[in-house]
C-alpha atoms as a PDB file:
ATOM      1  CA  MET A   1      51.305  80.057 136.308  1.00  0.00           C
ATOM      2  CA  PRO A   2      52.573  80.165 139.770  1.00  0.00           C
ATOM      3  CA  SER A   3      52.055  76.608 141.851  1.00  0.00           C
ATOM      4  CA  ASN A   4      49.268  76.536 144.533  1.00  0.00           C
ATOM      5  CA  ALA A   5      52.026  76.723 147.197  1.00  0.00           C
ATOM      6  CA  GLN A   6      53.559  80.006 146.060  1.00  0.00           C
ATOM      7  CA  THR A   7      50.029  81.435 145.331  1.00  0.00           C
ATOM      8  CA  VAL A   8      48.793  80.439 148.634  1.00  0.00           C
ATOM      9  CA  ILE A   9      52.131  81.924 150.553  1.00  0.00           C
ATOM     10  CA  GLU A  10      51.693  85.512 148.617  1.00  0.00           C
ATOM     11  CA  LEU A  11      47.795  85.207 149.686  1.00  0.00           C
ATOM     12  CA  ASP A  12      48.819  84.750 153.046  1.00  0.00           C
ATOM     13  CA  ARG A  13      51.190  87.539 153.117  1.00  0.00           C
ATOM     14  CA  ARG A  14      48.479  89.887 151.966  1.00  0.00           C
ATOM     15  CA  ARG A  15      46.298  88.716 154.547  1.00  0.00           C
ATOM     16  CA  MET A  16      48.739  89.669 157.207  1.00  0.00           C
ATOM     17  CA  GLU A  17      49.415  93.131 155.437  1.00  0.00           C
ATOM     18  CA  ALA A  18      45.502  93.422 155.493  1.00  0.00           C
ATOM     19  CA  MET A  19      45.244  92.818 159.303  1.00  0.00           C
ATOM     20  CA  ALA A  20      47.967  95.376 160.120  1.00  0.00           C
ATOM     21  CA  LYS A  21      46.308  97.985 157.556  1.00  0.00           C
ATOM     22  CA  LYS A  22      42.657  97.071 159.138  1.00  0.00           C
ATOM     23  CA  ASP A  23      41.499  96.214 155.557  1.00  0.00           C
ATOM     24  CA  ILE A  24      38.441  94.769 156.435  1.00  0.00           C
ATOM     25  CA  ALA A  25      37.370  94.235 152.667  1.00  0.00           C
ATOM     26  CA  SER A  26      40.597  92.170 151.749  1.00  0.00           C
ATOM     27  CA  LEU A  27      40.071  90.114 155.209  1.00  0.00           C
ATOM     28  CA  ASN A  28      36.666  89.337 154.145  1.00  0.00           C
ATOM     29  CA  GLU A  29      37.569  88.043 150.782  1.00  0.00           C
ATOM     30  CA  LEU A  30      40.770  86.049 152.030  1.00  0.00           C
ATOM     31  CA  ILE A  31      39.294  84.507 155.160  1.00  0.00           C
ATOM     32  CA  ALA A  32      36.806  81.770 154.898  1.00  0.00           C
ATOM     33  CA  ASP A  33      33.425  81.832 156.494  1.00  0.00           C
ATOM     34  CA  ASP A  34      34.297  78.817 158.719  1.00  0.00           C
ATOM     35  CA  LEU A  35      37.592  80.109 159.833  1.00  0.00           C
ATOM     36  CA  VAL A  36      38.888  78.348 163.363  1.00  0.00           C
ATOM     37  CA  TYR A  37      41.689  81.093 164.461  1.00  0.00           C
ATOM     38  CA  THR A  38      43.509  79.766 167.509  1.00  0.00           C
ATOM     39  CA  HIS A  39      45.580  82.419 169.127  1.00  0.00           C
ATOM     40  CA  SER A  40      48.672  81.714 170.764  1.00  0.00           C
ATOM     41  CA  THR A  41      47.127  82.376 174.018  1.00  0.00           C
ATOM     42  CA  ALA A  42      44.745  79.279 173.154  1.00  0.00           C
ATOM     43  CA  ARG A  43      41.893  82.170 172.501  1.00  0.00           C
ATOM     44  CA  LEU A  44      39.625  80.974 169.758  1.00  0.00           C
ATOM     45  CA  ASP A  45      38.114  83.163 167.328  1.00  0.00           C
ATOM     46  CA  THR A  46      35.733  82.691 164.363  1.00  0.00           C
ATOM     47  CA  LYS A  47      35.874  85.008 161.131  1.00  0.00           C
ATOM     48  CA  GLN A  48      32.984  87.183 162.498  1.00  0.00           C
ATOM     49  CA  SER A  49      34.849  87.621 166.284  1.00  0.00           C
ATOM     50  CA  LEU A  50      38.304  88.063 164.622  1.00  0.00           C
ATOM     51  CA  ILE A  51      37.236  90.996 162.263  1.00  0.00           C
ATOM     52  CA  GLY A  52      34.598  92.257 164.911  1.00  0.00           C
ATOM     53  CA  ASN A  53      37.469  92.625 167.303  1.00  0.00           C
ATOM     54  CA  MET A  54      39.340  94.570 164.661  1.00  0.00           C
ATOM     55  CA  GLU A  55      36.621  96.599 163.691  1.00  0.00           C
ATOM     56  CA  SER A  56      35.645  97.461 167.355  1.00  0.00           C
ATOM     57  CA  GLY A  57      38.936  98.555 168.359  1.00  0.00           C
ATOM     58  CA  SER A  58      39.214  96.022 170.746  1.00  0.00           C
ATOM     59  CA  THR A  59      42.252  94.106 168.791  1.00  0.00           C
ATOM     60  CA  VAL A  60      44.345  96.678 166.543  1.00  0.00           C
ATOM     61  CA  TYR A  61      47.221  94.698 164.786  1.00  0.00           C
ATOM     62  CA  THR A  62      50.176  97.355 164.085  1.00  0.00           C
ATOM     63  CA  ALA A  63      52.329  94.905 162.354  1.00  0.00           C
ATOM     64  CA  VAL A  64      52.255  91.296 161.505  1.00  0.00           C
ATOM     65  CA  VAL A  65      55.629  89.857 159.617  1.00  0.00           C
ATOM     66  CA  PRO A  66      56.246  86.502 158.447  1.00  0.00           C
ATOM     67  CA  SER A  67      59.457  84.499 157.818  1.00  0.00           C
ATOM     68  CA  ASP A  68      60.714  81.210 157.153  1.00  0.00           C
ATOM     69  CA  VAL A  69      57.323  80.256 155.426  1.00  0.00           C
ATOM     70  CA  LYS A  70      56.809  76.922 153.787  1.00  0.00           C
ATOM     71  CA  ALA A  71      54.334  75.518 151.975  1.00  0.00           C
ATOM     72  CA  GLN A  72      52.935  71.694 151.438  1.00  0.00           C
ATOM     73  CA  ASP A  73      50.686  71.728 148.621  1.00  0.00           C
ATOM     74  CA  LEU A  74      47.932  68.936 149.056  1.00  0.00           C
ATOM     75  CA  GLY A  75      46.249  69.624 145.661  1.00  0.00           C
ATOM     76  CA  ASP A  76      42.848  71.674 147.131  1.00  0.00           C
ATOM     77  CA  SER A  77      44.646  72.578 150.368  1.00  0.00           C
ATOM     78  CA  VAL A  78      47.884  74.226 151.160  1.00  0.00           C
ATOM     79  CA  VAL A  79      49.145  73.977 154.630  1.00  0.00           C
ATOM     80  CA  LEU A  80      51.834  76.763 155.796  1.00  0.00           C
ATOM     81  CA  THR A  81      54.146  76.724 158.538  1.00  0.00           C
ATOM     82  CA  GLY A  82      56.636  79.322 159.604  1.00  0.00           C
ATOM     83  CA  SER A  83      57.264  82.174 161.855  1.00  0.00           C
ATOM     84  CA  CYS A  84      55.787  85.649 162.406  1.00  0.00           C
ATOM     85  CA  ARG A  85      56.071  88.721 164.521  1.00  0.00           C
ATOM     86  CA  ILE A  86      53.208  90.465 165.711  1.00  0.00           C
ATOM     87  CA  SER A  87      52.743  93.495 167.156  1.00  0.00           C
ATOM     88  CA  VAL A  88      49.131  94.462 168.418  1.00  0.00           C
ATOM     89  CA  MET A  89      47.145  96.532 170.860  1.00  0.00           C
ATOM     90  CA  SER A  90      44.974  94.535 173.162  1.00  0.00           C
ATOM     91  CA  GLN A  91      42.316  95.980 175.036  1.00  0.00           C
ATOM     92  CA  GLY A  92      44.444  98.919 175.063  1.00  0.00           C
ATOM     93  CA  ARG A  93      47.893  97.355 175.927  1.00  0.00           C
ATOM     94  CA  PRO A  94      50.641  97.033 173.451  1.00  0.00           C
ATOM     95  CA  ASN A  95      52.128  93.785 172.959  1.00  0.00           C
ATOM     96  CA  SER A  96      55.016  92.441 170.445  1.00  0.00           C
ATOM     97  CA  PHE A  97      56.035  88.761 170.039  1.00  0.00           C
ATOM     98  CA  GLY A  98      56.870  85.937 167.958  1.00  0.00           C
ATOM     99  CA  VAL A  99      55.251  83.129 166.896  1.00  0.00           C
ATOM    100  CA  ARG A 100      55.719  79.715 165.073  1.00  0.00           C
ATOM    101  CA  PHE A 101      52.365  78.905 162.978  1.00  0.00           C
ATOM    102  CA  THR A 102      50.317  76.495 161.057  1.00  0.00           C
ATOM    103  CA  ASP A 103      48.125  77.872 158.468  1.00  0.00           C
ATOM    104  CA  VAL A 104      45.496  76.005 156.233  1.00  0.00           C
ATOM    105  CA  TRP A 105      44.028  77.485 153.121  1.00  0.00           C
ATOM    106  CA  ALA A 106      41.384  75.663 151.180  1.00  0.00           C
ATOM    107  CA  ASN A 107      40.155  76.083 147.468  1.00  0.00           C
ATOM    108  CA  LYS A 108      36.683  76.723 147.740  1.00  0.00           C
ATOM    109  CA  GLY A 109      35.155  76.914 144.172  1.00  0.00           C
ATOM    110  CA  GLY A 110      38.467  78.054 142.710  1.00  0.00           C
ATOM    111  CA  LYS A 111      39.002  80.656 145.167  1.00  0.00           C
ATOM    112  CA  TRP A 112      41.758  80.308 147.981  1.00  0.00           C
ATOM    113  CA  GLN A 113      40.541  81.045 151.338  1.00  0.00           C
ATOM    114  CA  MET A 114      42.363  80.807 154.772  1.00  0.00           C
ATOM    115  CA  VAL A 115      40.478  78.016 157.161  1.00  0.00           C
ATOM    116  CA  ALA A 116      42.545  77.693 160.086  1.00  0.00           C
ATOM    117  CA  TRP A 117      45.521  78.931 161.970  1.00  0.00           C
ATOM    118  CA  GLN A 118      47.041  77.775 165.158  1.00  0.00           C
ATOM    119  CA  SER A 119      50.216  79.770 166.578  1.00  0.00           C
ATOM    120  CA  THR A 120      52.381  79.223 169.368  1.00  0.00           C
ATOM    121  CA  ARG A 121      54.571  81.634 171.264  1.00  0.00           C
ATOM    122  CA  THR A 122      58.125  81.695 170.844  1.00  0.00           C
ATOM    123  CA  PRO A 123      60.436  82.665 173.573  1.00  0.00           C
ATOM    124  CA  ASP A 124      61.710  86.115 172.919  1.00  0.00           C
END
């Protein structure tokens, strides 16, 4: 049986792929209703606003590629840290940049879901 750390690293990779594919069903499953998502610009999103912006086309992720991901298994939560390359169309403008991130997942009734994301832009 895989460890919590490996399970959550894989789930987060799936979440990033779902963002790039605009797979709303997977995002609804993987993201907690009480999500706090802090973008590298300091803009805050909830689950509803993050997915809503994707559905409306206001924010279109074209690639979200993680690297150097490490996990701290705390039992009913796992904290991920790593790097990520993000390509996005925001308000019709293309943008591609790197970030360092901290990502928190919680085991909610036997189901792992992302509850927090915080990213800081890296110099290109």
